[in-house]
Amino acid sequence: MYAFLRPFFRSAIATPSCSWCLLMVMGVVMFGGCDRVPPRPEIGKDAEGETREFSDDQPAEKVAKSLPRVPAESSDREAEPPTGIVDRDLQWWDAYLVGREPIGFSVTKVEPVGGGDSYVRYSMEEQLKVRRGKQVVQQWLKQTSLEAVDGTFQEFGSELSRGGEIVISSGAVGYNKMNIEVRRGDQVETVAIPWDSKYRGPFATQQSLRAKPMQPGEERVLEALLPVQNVVGTIRLKAIDVVNVAMLTGDSKKLLEIESSTLVGDRVVLSQLLWTNERGDLLKTYTPALDFATYRTDQETATEVGTPKQDLLAATAIRVETDAPWSTISQQTPIAYRIEHRTQDPSDLFVSSANQTIAAIDDRTVLVVCSAEEEQSVDSQPVAAEDELSNALIQSDHPTIRQMVNRLLVLEGASLDQKAETLRLGVYRHVRKKNFSRGFLSAGQVATEAEGDCTEHAILLAALCRAAGIPSRVAAGLMLLPPAEGQTEPLMAYHMWTLIWTGERWMALDATLPERPQFADRIMVVSSNLASGNEYSCLLPVLQVMGQVDVAIED
């Protein structure tokens, strides 16, 4: 049900130059600490613990009191232009771990093209395995980037296989724009984005660090293509200090620690820690929100990936602090959720809507008050034309979708609420194989294959509603669940559902449930009409919440 984040399960997985292709296919992962210097468990019997070296006038206790925090976003530094490519014949392997468990690996190659000195091709291939309940899903990604030796980006290509679905993307730089094509089965989407010669390709971070290794205290800003999103993002790097870093093989190295934050517009969507040697080689990365680490190593060590034991469905649930029993909570409306973010002001991370209001308590805490559907008021966000049109994901003009609508809506003169409930129950019954093995399928695929989790239910219901003349969107956020067996505290899990426009407000519908909830069971982080045809546009905001909040129900 709450597996909609599975498409994420790659991004912070790779080294940062590729982390955005990976970030967008990242699934649900374990929570981790979010301090700037996170806890690092020993790996190997003889591993030395990682320790920061502080000067006499900056003791560790003083620095610790300043944590946690988010890398500064207010820097006026201009983005650095591309620099000449240092590496023209190179290969390296990285191991991927969630917590202490190996889940995958990647191999990256740099090689000249055409036998000359004009162009260089970067290529990366990665594999990983994820356990979700009783299922183990294997994912694969191949990505290439062609660049001139002066660092000017030329073109990219990627092929992603996830749960049986293959997505192929390609793009080439033209005059002041980049033309991009995305293929999902028979669906082909093309888009052109503005392009400037100072923009870099998807391997920008590694190229920059290798061309000019950073020094303690140095800051650097890069603008680079985030391929899966098909937008240009800003990467901010801040070198902190040399620290002792535990490596995968059990030894330790003195490496430069770098804070990295990636922004889309003015929103930070990914925060990482990087560690490089004096040559600028990126030897380790850590994504605090996901408890995910990559380690530079040899092929044999990197590819030692067995069947994962950690169930990521259970690991991602948030324990909700409350003194009330579930029997009381499940009848309560409204519900006031106190949400504390560990690294930043959460006021802008949650949206106000017809059934939830946001009130700041302090610079790390908000109170989100949610009500049940029947208590909702007029919405402040009116319907848009894109909420009614068919697109690459919400395929309301798909023949199978139209057949389903005609078969389900046979009652003449039915009210909007009756139509919506009929379609909701129709999706609940239609998706017979409720599992976590598929990627983010389009509505036409879900209608045909009748398989998936909450993302597939939400997408199909949105398409059916549009085909029936009801404007619709999808929403993503947190859903309240009863306590796990043997526990007393309820849980919150990441989830996706459908919104429909009633003429006055957006109303939530959830096709994963046999009946509508009668209490305030969910907190919305983002909604989207998916007009861009890019599923990741509605998942990015969740990254700033994932693994970084503590939730309590107020009396």
Protein backbone atom coordinates (compact mmCIF):
# COMPACT_ATOMS: atom_id res chain seq x y z
CA MET A 1 0.00 0.00 0.00
CA TYR A 2 2.62 2.53 0.99
CA ALA A 3 5.20 1.53 -1.60
CA PHE A 4 4.82 4.51 -3.89
CA LEU A 5 8.39 5.57 -3.18
CA ARG A 6 9.83 2.49 -4.79
CA PRO A 7 10.76 4.50 -7.91
CA PHE A 8 13.14 6.45 -5.66
CA PHE A 9 15.27 3.49 -4.81
CA ARG A 10 18.34 4.56 -6.67
CA SER A 11 19.11 8.17 -6.35
CA ALA A 12 21.25 8.54 -3.37
CA ILE A 13 22.57 5.19 -4.15
CA ALA A 14 25.23 6.05 -6.58
CA THR A 15 28.02 8.49 -6.42
CA PRO A 16 26.64 12.02 -6.66
CA SER A 17 27.44 12.50 -10.33
CA CYS A 18 24.88 9.81 -11.04
CA SER A 19 22.82 10.21 -7.94
CA TRP A 20 19.97 11.92 -9.67
CA CYS A 21 19.33 9.11 -12.07
CA LEU A 22 19.46 6.89 -9.04
CA LEU A 23 17.52 9.18 -6.79
CA MET A 24 14.56 9.01 -9.09
CA VAL A 25 14.37 5.26 -8.93
CA MET A 26 14.82 5.08 -5.21
CA GLY A 27 12.30 2.93 -3.40
CA VAL A 28 11.53 2.92 0.25
CA VAL A 29 14.60 2.57 2.45
CA MET A 30 15.49 2.53 6.10
CA PHE A 31 15.52 5.63 8.21
CA GLY A 32 18.85 6.97 9.39
CA GLY A 33 20.20 9.78 11.51
CA CYS A 34 20.22 13.18 9.87
CA ASP A 35 23.08 14.93 11.61
CA ARG A 36 25.72 16.57 9.45
CA VAL A 37 28.17 14.01 10.86
CA PRO A 38 26.00 10.87 10.97
CA PRO A 39 26.64 7.79 13.06
CA ARG A 40 28.95 5.42 11.17
CA PRO A 41 28.76 1.79 12.30
CA GLU A 42 32.00 -0.12 12.15
CA ILE A 43 32.35 -2.28 9.07
CA GLY A 44 34.84 -5.11 9.44
CA LYS A 45 36.43 -6.44 12.59
CA ASP A 46 39.33 -4.01 12.65
CA ALA A 47 37.56 -0.87 11.43
CA GLU A 48 38.58 2.31 13.22
CA GLY A 49 35.72 4.56 14.23
CA GLU A 50 35.40 7.79 12.29
CA THR A 51 36.42 10.88 14.25
CA ARG A 52 36.51 14.52 13.28
CA GLU A 53 39.74 16.40 13.90
CA PHE A 54 38.95 19.65 15.74
CA SER A 55 41.24 22.53 16.50
CA ASP A 56 41.71 23.72 20.09
CA ASP A 57 39.37 26.68 19.61
CA GLN A 58 36.63 24.51 18.06
CA PRO A 59 36.04 21.53 20.34
CA ALA A 60 33.82 18.67 19.25
CA GLU A 61 31.17 19.54 21.86
CA LYS A 62 30.78 23.01 20.38
CA VAL A 63 30.32 21.70 16.88
CA ALA A 64 27.91 19.00 18.04
CA LYS A 65 25.60 21.63 19.57
CA SER A 66 25.24 23.28 16.18
CA LEU A 67 23.80 20.10 14.64
CA PRO A 68 21.68 19.22 12.84
CA ARG A 69 21.42 21.75 10.05
CA VAL A 70 20.91 21.95 6.31
CA PRO A 71 23.61 23.25 3.94
CA ALA A 72 23.13 26.96 3.32
CA GLU A 73 20.89 27.86 0.39
CA SER A 74 21.50 31.59 0.39
CA SER A 75 24.93 31.65 -1.19
CA ASP A 76 25.27 34.15 -4.04
CA ARG A 77 28.10 32.22 -5.65
CA GLU A 78 27.74 31.78 -9.38
CA ALA A 79 27.85 28.31 -10.87
CA GLU A 80 31.25 27.32 -12.16
CA PRO A 81 31.49 26.66 -15.90
CA PRO A 82 32.56 23.24 -17.21
CA THR A 83 36.25 22.43 -16.89
CA GLY A 84 38.45 20.16 -18.97
CA ILE A 85 38.00 16.45 -18.38
CA VAL A 86 41.01 14.96 -16.58
CA ASP A 87 40.15 11.27 -16.94
CA ARG A 88 40.01 9.69 -20.39
CA ASP A 89 40.55 6.01 -19.59
CA LEU A 90 39.34 4.93 -16.18
CA GLN A 91 37.09 2.35 -14.46
CA TRP A 92 35.89 1.97 -10.88
CA TRP A 93 33.43 -0.06 -8.79
CA ASP A 94 31.15 1.07 -5.95
CA ALA A 95 29.28 -1.05 -3.40
CA TYR A 96 25.83 0.04 -2.15
CA LEU A 97 24.70 -0.53 1.44
CA VAL A 98 21.54 0.27 3.38
CA GLY A 99 22.56 0.18 7.00
CA ARG A 100 25.10 -2.66 7.05
CA GLU A 101 23.43 -4.75 4.37
CA PRO A 102 24.87 -4.82 0.81
CA ILE A 103 22.05 -4.24 -1.68
CA GLY A 104 23.84 -3.56 -4.97
CA PHE A 105 26.78 -2.20 -6.92
CA SER A 106 27.78 -0.09 -9.90
CA VAL A 107 30.66 0.03 -12.37
CA THR A 108 31.63 3.31 -14.04
CA LYS A 109 33.84 3.69 -17.09
CA VAL A 110 35.47 6.70 -18.74
CA GLU A 111 36.80 6.16 -22.25
CA PRO A 112 37.74 8.18 -25.37
CA VAL A 113 35.34 8.12 -28.31
CA GLY A 114 36.36 7.60 -31.92
CA GLY A 115 40.03 7.06 -31.17
CA GLY A 116 40.71 10.78 -30.98
CA ASP A 117 41.08 13.43 -28.30
CA SER A 118 37.85 15.31 -28.95
CA TYR A 119 35.20 13.40 -26.98
CA VAL A 120 34.91 11.25 -23.86
CA ARG A 121 32.07 8.92 -22.90
CA TYR A 122 31.07 8.24 -19.30
CA SER A 123 29.03 5.09 -18.73
CA MET A 124 27.63 3.61 -15.56
CA GLU A 125 25.82 0.32 -15.03
CA GLU A 126 24.30 -0.64 -11.72
CA GLN A 127 22.23 -3.41 -10.17
CA LEU A 128 20.49 -3.70 -6.82
CA LYS A 129 18.08 -5.93 -4.93
CA VAL A 130 15.36 -4.77 -2.55
CA ARG A 131 13.19 -6.84 -0.21
CA ARG A 132 9.65 -5.58 0.16
CA GLY A 133 7.65 -7.90 2.37
CA LYS A 134 7.99 -11.38 0.88
CA GLN A 135 9.15 -10.08 -2.50
CA VAL A 136 12.69 -9.40 -3.65
CA VAL A 137 12.82 -6.99 -6.58
CA GLN A 138 15.90 -6.55 -8.76
CA GLN A 139 16.51 -3.29 -10.59
CA TRP A 140 19.01 -2.35 -13.27
CA LEU A 141 20.15 0.96 -14.75
CA LYS A 142 22.57 1.89 -17.50
CA GLN A 143 23.50 5.52 -18.13
CA THR A 144 25.85 7.19 -20.61
CA SER A 145 27.05 10.75 -21.16
CA LEU A 146 29.02 12.07 -24.13
CA GLU A 147 31.17 15.14 -23.45
CA ALA A 148 33.84 17.14 -25.23
CA VAL A 149 37.27 17.05 -23.59
CA ASP A 150 36.80 20.70 -22.56
CA GLY A 151 33.85 19.55 -20.42
CA THR A 152 31.06 20.70 -22.74
CA PHE A 153 28.11 18.34 -22.38
CA GLN A 154 26.77 16.85 -25.64
CA GLU A 155 24.20 14.08 -25.09
CA PHE A 156 23.00 11.41 -22.67
CA GLY A 157 21.17 8.09 -22.70
CA SER A 158 19.71 5.85 -20.01
CA GLU A 159 17.89 2.54 -19.77
CA LEU A 160 16.07 1.65 -16.58
CA SER A 161 14.54 -1.75 -15.85
CA ARG A 162 12.38 -1.95 -12.75
CA GLY A 163 9.91 -4.68 -11.97
CA GLY A 164 9.60 -5.72 -15.59
CA GLU A 165 9.09 -2.20 -16.97
CA ILE A 166 11.78 -0.61 -19.15
CA VAL A 167 12.12 3.16 -19.52
CA ILE A 168 14.54 4.44 -22.17
CA SER A 169 15.59 8.10 -22.21
CA SER A 170 17.88 10.07 -24.52
CA GLY A 171 18.74 13.71 -25.01
CA ALA A 172 21.02 15.92 -27.10
CA VAL A 173 22.02 19.57 -26.83
CA GLY A 174 20.72 21.85 -29.58
CA TYR A 175 20.67 25.61 -30.01
CA ASN A 176 19.84 27.03 -26.56
CA LYS A 177 17.85 23.91 -25.69
CA MET A 178 18.10 20.20 -25.02
CA ASN A 179 15.73 17.84 -26.81
CA ILE A 180 14.75 14.81 -24.71
CA GLU A 181 12.81 11.68 -25.61
CA VAL A 182 11.42 9.21 -23.07
CA ARG A 183 10.00 5.80 -24.08
CA ARG A 184 7.80 3.69 -21.79
CA GLY A 185 6.69 0.69 -23.80
CA ASP A 186 4.60 2.08 -26.67
CA GLN A 187 4.42 5.54 -25.08
CA VAL A 188 6.86 8.17 -26.39
CA GLU A 189 7.21 11.55 -24.74
CA THR A 190 9.34 14.41 -26.10
CA VAL A 191 10.29 17.59 -24.30
CA ALA A 192 12.67 20.51 -24.88
CA ILE A 193 14.26 22.31 -21.93
CA PRO A 194 16.26 25.58 -22.00
CA TRP A 195 19.99 25.00 -22.14
CA ASP A 196 23.06 27.13 -21.47
CA SER A 197 26.64 26.25 -22.39
CA LYS A 198 27.63 26.52 -18.70
CA TYR A 199 25.37 23.61 -17.74
CA ARG A 200 27.04 20.29 -17.05
CA GLY A 201 26.04 16.68 -17.59
CA PRO A 202 24.93 13.99 -15.11
CA PHE A 203 28.52 13.23 -13.99
CA ALA A 204 29.16 16.86 -13.02
CA THR A 205 30.18 16.35 -9.38
CA GLN A 206 32.79 13.71 -10.06
CA GLN A 207 34.22 15.65 -13.00
CA SER A 208 34.50 18.83 -10.97
CA LEU A 209 36.13 17.14 -7.98
CA ARG A 210 38.65 15.28 -10.15
CA ALA A 211 39.53 18.33 -12.26
CA LYS A 212 40.05 20.52 -9.19
CA PRO A 213 40.05 18.79 -5.76
CA MET A 214 38.38 20.89 -3.07
CA GLN A 215 40.12 22.25 0.02
CA PRO A 216 38.72 22.64 3.57
CA GLY A 217 36.46 25.69 3.75
CA GLU A 218 35.96 25.90 -0.02
CA GLU A 219 32.48 26.23 -1.53
CA ARG A 220 31.47 25.35 -5.07
CA VAL A 221 28.26 25.63 -7.10
CA LEU A 222 27.48 23.53 -10.18
CA GLU A 223 24.50 23.56 -12.54
CA ALA A 224 23.85 20.19 -14.11
CA LEU A 225 21.26 18.05 -15.87
CA LEU A 226 19.13 15.88 -13.60
CA PRO A 227 18.23 13.38 -16.30
CA VAL A 228 15.31 11.46 -14.85
CA GLN A 229 13.58 14.71 -14.00
CA ASN A 230 14.69 16.31 -17.27
CA VAL A 231 15.50 19.59 -15.56
CA VAL A 232 18.65 21.51 -14.68
CA GLY A 233 19.41 21.48 -10.96
CA THR A 234 21.88 23.32 -8.74
CA ILE A 235 24.47 21.35 -6.77
CA ARG A 236 26.05 23.15 -3.80
CA LEU A 237 29.27 21.70 -2.38
CA LYS A 238 30.93 22.82 0.86
CA ALA A 239 34.20 21.24 1.98
CA ILE A 240 34.32 20.91 5.78
CA ASP A 241 37.49 19.25 7.04
CA VAL A 242 39.67 16.14 6.85
CA VAL A 243 38.19 13.29 8.92
CA ASN A 244 38.99 9.66 9.62
CA VAL A 245 36.57 7.56 7.55
CA ALA A 246 35.81 3.85 7.99
CA MET A 247 35.86 2.01 4.66
CA LEU A 248 34.10 -1.13 3.54
CA THR A 249 37.10 -3.41 3.82
CA GLY A 250 37.63 -2.64 7.53
CA ASP A 251 40.42 -0.10 7.25
CA SER A 252 40.09 3.68 7.54
CA LYS A 253 41.26 6.63 5.45
CA LYS A 254 41.76 10.32 6.10
CA LEU A 255 39.42 11.98 3.61
CA LEU A 256 37.95 15.42 2.99
CA GLU A 257 34.30 15.61 4.07
CA ILE A 258 32.03 17.60 1.75
CA GLU A 259 28.41 18.59 2.32
CA SER A 260 26.37 18.34 -0.86
CA SER A 261 22.87 19.67 -1.44
CA THR A 262 20.95 19.47 -4.71
CA LEU A 263 18.23 22.01 -5.43
CA VAL A 264 15.44 22.17 -7.99
CA GLY A 265 14.49 25.82 -8.08
CA ASP A 266 14.80 26.98 -4.48
CA ARG A 267 13.89 23.62 -2.91
CA VAL A 268 16.59 21.33 -1.51
CA VAL A 269 15.64 17.84 -2.70
CA LEU A 270 18.73 15.85 -1.76
CA SER A 271 21.33 16.24 0.99
CA GLN A 272 24.42 14.05 1.12
CA LEU A 273 27.87 13.75 2.64
CA LEU A 274 30.79 13.00 0.33
CA TRP A 275 34.35 11.99 1.11
CA THR A 276 37.25 12.47 -1.31
CA ASN A 277 40.99 11.87 -1.26
CA GLU A 278 43.63 14.43 -2.20
CA ARG A 279 43.15 13.64 -5.92
CA GLY A 280 39.44 14.34 -5.77
CA ASP A 281 38.43 10.67 -6.08
CA LEU A 282 35.01 10.16 -4.51
CA LEU A 283 35.57 7.18 -2.20
CA LYS A 284 32.43 7.23 -0.06
CA THR A 285 29.01 8.88 0.10
CA TYR A 286 26.27 8.88 2.73
CA THR A 287 22.61 9.88 2.45
CA PRO A 288 21.37 10.45 6.03
CA ALA A 289 17.65 10.40 5.24
CA LEU A 290 17.98 6.94 3.74
CA ASP A 291 20.81 5.46 5.84
CA PHE A 292 22.40 4.70 2.49
CA ALA A 293 26.14 4.57 1.76
CA THR A 294 28.35 3.90 -1.25
CA TYR A 295 31.95 2.71 -1.00
CA ARG A 296 34.67 2.67 -3.64
CA THR A 297 36.05 -0.86 -3.75
CA ASP A 298 37.11 -3.68 -6.08
CA GLN A 299 34.85 -5.71 -8.37
CA GLU A 300 34.80 -8.84 -6.21
CA THR A 301 33.80 -6.97 -3.06
CA ALA A 302 31.25 -4.75 -4.81
CA THR A 303 29.40 -7.64 -6.44
CA GLU A 304 29.03 -9.69 -3.24
CA VAL A 305 25.29 -9.08 -2.98
CA GLY A 306 23.11 -11.87 -1.63
CA THR A 307 19.38 -12.01 -1.08
CA PRO A 308 18.46 -9.02 1.12
CA LYS A 309 17.05 -9.85 4.55
CA GLN A 310 15.97 -6.37 5.65
CA ASP A 311 12.25 -5.77 4.99
CA LEU A 312 12.15 -2.17 3.84
CA LEU A 313 8.39 -1.94 4.19
CA ALA A 314 8.64 -2.33 7.97
CA ALA A 315 11.81 -0.27 8.23
CA THR A 316 10.28 2.88 6.72
CA ALA A 317 7.29 3.21 9.02
CA ILE A 318 7.33 6.13 11.50
CA ARG A 319 6.28 5.38 15.05
CA VAL A 320 3.71 7.99 16.14
CA GLU A 321 3.90 9.21 19.71
CA THR A 322 0.47 9.27 21.40
CA ASP A 323 -1.24 8.29 24.66
CA ALA A 324 -4.56 7.51 22.96
CA PRO A 325 -5.49 3.93 22.01
CA TRP A 326 -6.00 3.10 18.34
CA SER A 327 -9.73 2.54 18.90
CA THR A 328 -10.02 6.22 19.85
CA ILE A 329 -7.70 7.58 17.16
CA SER A 330 -9.49 5.67 14.38
CA GLN A 331 -12.71 7.57 15.21
CA GLN A 332 -11.12 10.96 15.78
CA THR A 333 -11.48 14.01 13.55
CA PRO A 334 -9.81 16.41 13.31
CA ILE A 335 -6.39 15.11 14.34
CA ALA A 336 -3.53 17.46 15.21
CA TYR A 337 -0.15 16.06 14.19
CA ARG A 338 2.93 17.65 15.71
CA ILE A 339 5.77 17.18 13.22
CA GLU A 340 9.38 17.95 14.08
CA HIS A 341 11.95 18.01 11.30
CA ARG A 342 15.50 17.16 12.28
CA THR A 343 17.39 19.45 9.92
CA GLN A 344 15.22 22.32 8.64
CA ASP A 345 12.07 24.40 8.93
CA PRO A 346 9.22 22.12 7.80
CA SER A 347 6.70 24.92 7.21
CA ASP A 348 7.20 24.81 3.45
CA LEU A 349 7.30 21.02 3.24
CA PHE A 350 3.60 20.47 3.93
CA VAL A 351 0.85 22.07 1.87
CA SER A 352 -2.35 23.65 3.15
CA SER A 353 -5.49 22.21 1.59
CA ALA A 354 -9.19 21.78 2.18
CA ASN A 355 -8.61 19.20 4.87
CA GLN A 356 -5.32 20.29 6.44
CA THR A 357 -3.95 23.49 7.91
CA ILE A 358 -0.31 24.19 8.75
CA ALA A 359 0.84 26.26 11.74
CA ALA A 360 4.50 26.85 12.62
CA ILE A 361 5.49 26.19 16.23
CA ASP A 362 9.20 26.95 15.89
CA ASP A 363 11.88 26.73 13.20
CA ARG A 364 11.88 22.92 13.36
CA THR A 365 8.26 22.11 14.24
CA VAL A 366 4.80 22.50 12.70
CA LEU A 367 1.31 21.53 13.75
CA VAL A 368 -0.67 19.92 10.91
CA VAL A 369 -4.40 19.71 11.67
CA CYS A 370 -6.23 17.27 9.40
CA SER A 371 -9.98 16.65 9.15
CA ALA A 372 -12.12 13.92 7.64
CA GLU A 373 -13.65 14.38 4.18
CA GLU A 374 -17.09 15.51 5.33
CA GLU A 375 -15.56 18.36 7.35
CA GLN A 376 -13.57 19.86 4.49
CA SER A 377 -14.00 23.46 3.44
CA VAL A 378 -13.66 25.26 0.11
CA ASP A 379 -10.22 24.73 -1.41
CA SER A 380 -7.85 27.61 -2.20
CA GLN A 381 -6.35 25.85 -5.22
CA PRO A 382 -8.78 25.86 -8.17
CA VAL A 383 -8.84 23.23 -10.87
CA ALA A 384 -6.53 23.68 -13.89
CA ALA A 385 -6.96 22.56 -17.49
CA GLU A 386 -4.19 19.98 -17.01
CA ASP A 387 -6.31 18.28 -14.33
CA GLU A 388 -8.81 17.25 -17.03
CA LEU A 389 -6.51 16.20 -19.90
CA SER A 390 -4.95 12.87 -20.78
CA ASN A 391 -1.15 12.63 -20.49
CA ALA A 392 1.61 10.02 -20.68
CA LEU A 393 0.85 8.66 -17.20
CA ILE A 394 -2.80 9.52 -16.56
CA GLN A 395 -4.02 8.12 -19.88
CA SER A 396 -7.70 8.99 -19.68
CA ASP A 397 -8.08 8.52 -23.46
CA HIS A 398 -6.70 4.95 -23.39
CA PRO A 399 -9.22 2.50 -24.95
CA THR A 400 -9.19 0.19 -21.93
CA ILE A 401 -9.75 3.13 -19.58
CA ARG A 402 -12.79 4.26 -21.57
CA GLN A 403 -14.17 0.73 -21.63
CA MET A 404 -13.84 0.52 -17.84
CA VAL A 405 -15.68 3.82 -17.37
CA ASN A 406 -18.55 2.75 -19.64
CA ARG A 407 -18.80 -0.57 -17.83
CA LEU A 408 -18.74 0.95 -14.35
CA LEU A 409 -20.90 4.06 -14.76
CA VAL A 410 -24.22 2.66 -15.90
CA LEU A 411 -26.52 4.60 -13.55
CA GLU A 412 -27.99 7.64 -15.31
CA GLY A 413 -28.21 10.84 -13.30
CA ALA A 414 -25.71 9.69 -10.67
CA SER A 415 -24.20 12.41 -8.50
CA LEU A 416 -20.49 13.21 -8.61
CA ASP A 417 -20.03 11.51 -5.26
CA GLN A 418 -21.77 8.37 -6.49
CA LYS A 419 -19.66 8.29 -9.65
CA ALA A 420 -16.44 8.81 -7.69
CA GLU A 421 -17.24 6.03 -5.22
CA THR A 422 -18.20 3.65 -8.02
CA LEU A 423 -14.89 4.30 -9.80
CA ARG A 424 -12.92 4.00 -6.55
CA LEU A 425 -14.41 0.61 -5.76
CA GLY A 426 -13.96 -0.42 -9.39
CA VAL A 427 -10.20 0.20 -9.13
CA TYR A 428 -10.01 -1.59 -5.77
CA ARG A 429 -11.57 -4.70 -7.33
CA HIS A 430 -9.77 -4.40 -10.69
CA VAL A 431 -6.20 -4.39 -9.33
CA ARG A 432 -6.26 -8.04 -8.30
CA LYS A 433 -2.52 -8.55 -7.80
CA LYS A 434 -1.74 -6.13 -4.99
CA ASN A 435 2.03 -6.33 -4.74
CA PHE A 436 5.21 -4.28 -4.77
CA SER A 437 6.94 -5.84 -7.76
CA ARG A 438 6.14 -3.21 -10.38
CA GLY A 439 7.51 0.24 -11.09
CA PHE A 440 5.48 3.40 -11.53
CA LEU A 441 3.12 2.13 -14.26
CA SER A 442 0.96 4.30 -16.50
CA ALA A 443 -2.83 4.07 -16.14
CA GLY A 444 -3.14 2.12 -19.38
CA GLN A 445 -0.66 -0.48 -18.13
CA VAL A 446 -2.46 -0.81 -14.80
CA ALA A 447 -5.81 -1.20 -16.55
CA THR A 448 -4.36 -3.93 -18.76
CA GLU A 449 -2.21 -5.78 -16.21
CA ALA A 450 -4.38 -5.28 -13.08
CA GLU A 451 -1.32 -5.30 -10.82
CA GLY A 452 0.49 -2.91 -8.50
CA ASP A 453 0.52 -1.01 -5.22
CA CYS A 454 -0.72 2.41 -4.14
CA THR A 455 0.89 4.26 -7.07
CA GLU A 456 -0.90 2.07 -9.57
CA HIS A 457 -4.24 2.40 -7.74
CA ALA A 458 -3.90 6.20 -7.61
CA ILE A 459 -2.90 6.56 -11.28
CA LEU A 460 -5.68 4.31 -12.58
CA LEU A 461 -8.36 6.03 -10.49
CA ALA A 462 -7.18 9.46 -11.64
CA ALA A 463 -7.44 8.36 -15.28
CA LEU A 464 -10.91 6.86 -14.83
CA CYS A 465 -12.14 10.06 -13.18
CA ARG A 466 -10.84 12.23 -16.01
CA ALA A 467 -12.40 9.92 -18.58
CA ALA A 468 -15.69 10.37 -16.70
CA GLY A 469 -15.35 14.17 -16.81
CA ILE A 470 -14.11 14.58 -13.23
CA PRO A 471 -10.87 16.62 -12.84
CA SER A 472 -8.27 14.65 -10.91
CA ARG A 473 -4.75 14.66 -9.49
CA VAL A 474 -2.56 12.35 -7.42
CA ALA A 475 -1.34 13.16 -3.92
CA ALA A 476 1.58 11.85 -1.90
CA GLY A 477 2.33 12.01 1.80
CA LEU A 478 1.97 10.13 5.09
CA MET A 479 -0.84 7.77 6.07
CA LEU A 480 -1.76 6.74 9.62
CA LEU A 481 -1.86 2.98 10.24
CA PRO A 482 -2.76 0.86 13.30
CA PRO A 483 0.03 -0.40 15.58
CA ALA A 484 2.07 -3.35 14.35
CA GLU A 485 1.55 -6.68 16.05
CA GLY A 486 2.87 -6.55 19.60
CA GLN A 487 3.13 -2.73 19.57
CA THR A 488 0.93 -0.01 21.07
CA GLU A 489 1.98 3.01 18.98
CA PRO A 490 0.33 3.65 15.60
CA LEU A 491 2.51 4.08 12.53
CA MET A 492 2.74 6.50 9.63
CA ALA A 493 3.85 5.26 6.23
CA TYR A 494 4.51 6.87 2.85
CA HIS A 495 1.52 6.58 0.56
CA MET A 496 -0.10 7.85 -2.65
CA TRP A 497 -3.79 8.44 -3.34
CA THR A 498 -6.13 10.31 -5.73
CA LEU A 499 -7.75 13.75 -5.51
CA ILE A 500 -10.90 14.78 -7.42
CA TRP A 501 -12.38 18.25 -7.91
CA THR A 502 -15.92 18.60 -6.52
CA GLY A 503 -16.51 22.11 -7.84
CA GLU A 504 -15.43 23.71 -4.57
CA ARG A 505 -12.52 21.67 -3.28
CA TRP A 506 -10.21 18.73 -3.83
CA MET A 507 -11.51 15.56 -2.20
CA ALA A 508 -9.32 12.55 -1.39
CA LEU A 509 -10.13 9.07 -2.72
CA ASP A 510 -8.09 5.96 -1.90
CA ALA A 511 -8.59 2.93 -4.12
CA THR A 512 -6.31 0.73 -2.00
CA LEU A 513 -8.98 0.60 0.74
CA PRO A 514 -12.24 -1.39 0.68
CA GLU A 515 -14.09 1.62 2.14
CA ARG A 516 -13.54 5.33 2.74
CA PRO A 517 -11.78 6.21 6.00
CA GLN A 518 -13.99 8.06 8.47
CA PHE A 519 -11.17 9.85 10.28
CA ALA A 520 -8.24 12.15 9.51
CA ASP A 521 -5.82 9.41 8.47
CA ARG A 522 -3.40 11.22 6.13
CA ILE A 523 -1.08 14.19 5.76
CA MET A 524 -0.49 15.47 2.24
CA VAL A 525 2.99 16.59 1.23
CA VAL A 526 2.39 17.25 -2.47
CA SER A 527 -0.20 16.89 -5.22
CA SER A 528 0.34 16.78 -8.97
CA ASN A 529 -1.63 16.46 -12.19
CA LEU A 530 1.45 14.76 -13.76
CA ALA A 531 1.05 16.97 -16.83
CA SER A 532 4.78 16.73 -17.47
CA GLY A 533 4.48 12.97 -17.89
CA ASN A 534 7.26 12.64 -15.30
CA GLU A 535 6.24 10.65 -12.23
CA TYR A 536 9.13 11.98 -10.18
CA SER A 537 7.79 15.52 -10.09
CA CYS A 538 5.38 14.50 -7.35
CA LEU A 539 7.85 12.36 -5.44
CA LEU A 540 10.73 14.79 -4.96
CA PRO A 541 9.16 16.80 -2.12
CA VAL A 542 8.78 13.62 -0.10
CA LEU A 543 12.56 13.24 0.02
CA GLN A 544 12.76 16.20 2.36
CA VAL A 545 10.39 14.44 4.75
CA MET A 546 11.53 10.85 4.34
CA GLY A 547 13.45 9.65 7.36
CA GLN A 548 13.74 13.16 8.76
CA VAL A 549 10.61 13.75 10.85
CA ASP A 550 9.24 12.73 14.23
CA VAL A 551 5.44 12.67 14.56
CA ALA A 552 3.20 12.95 17.63
CA ILE A 553 -0.58 13.24 17.95
CA GLU A 554 -1.56 16.20 20.13
CA ASP A 555 -4.42 15.94 22.63
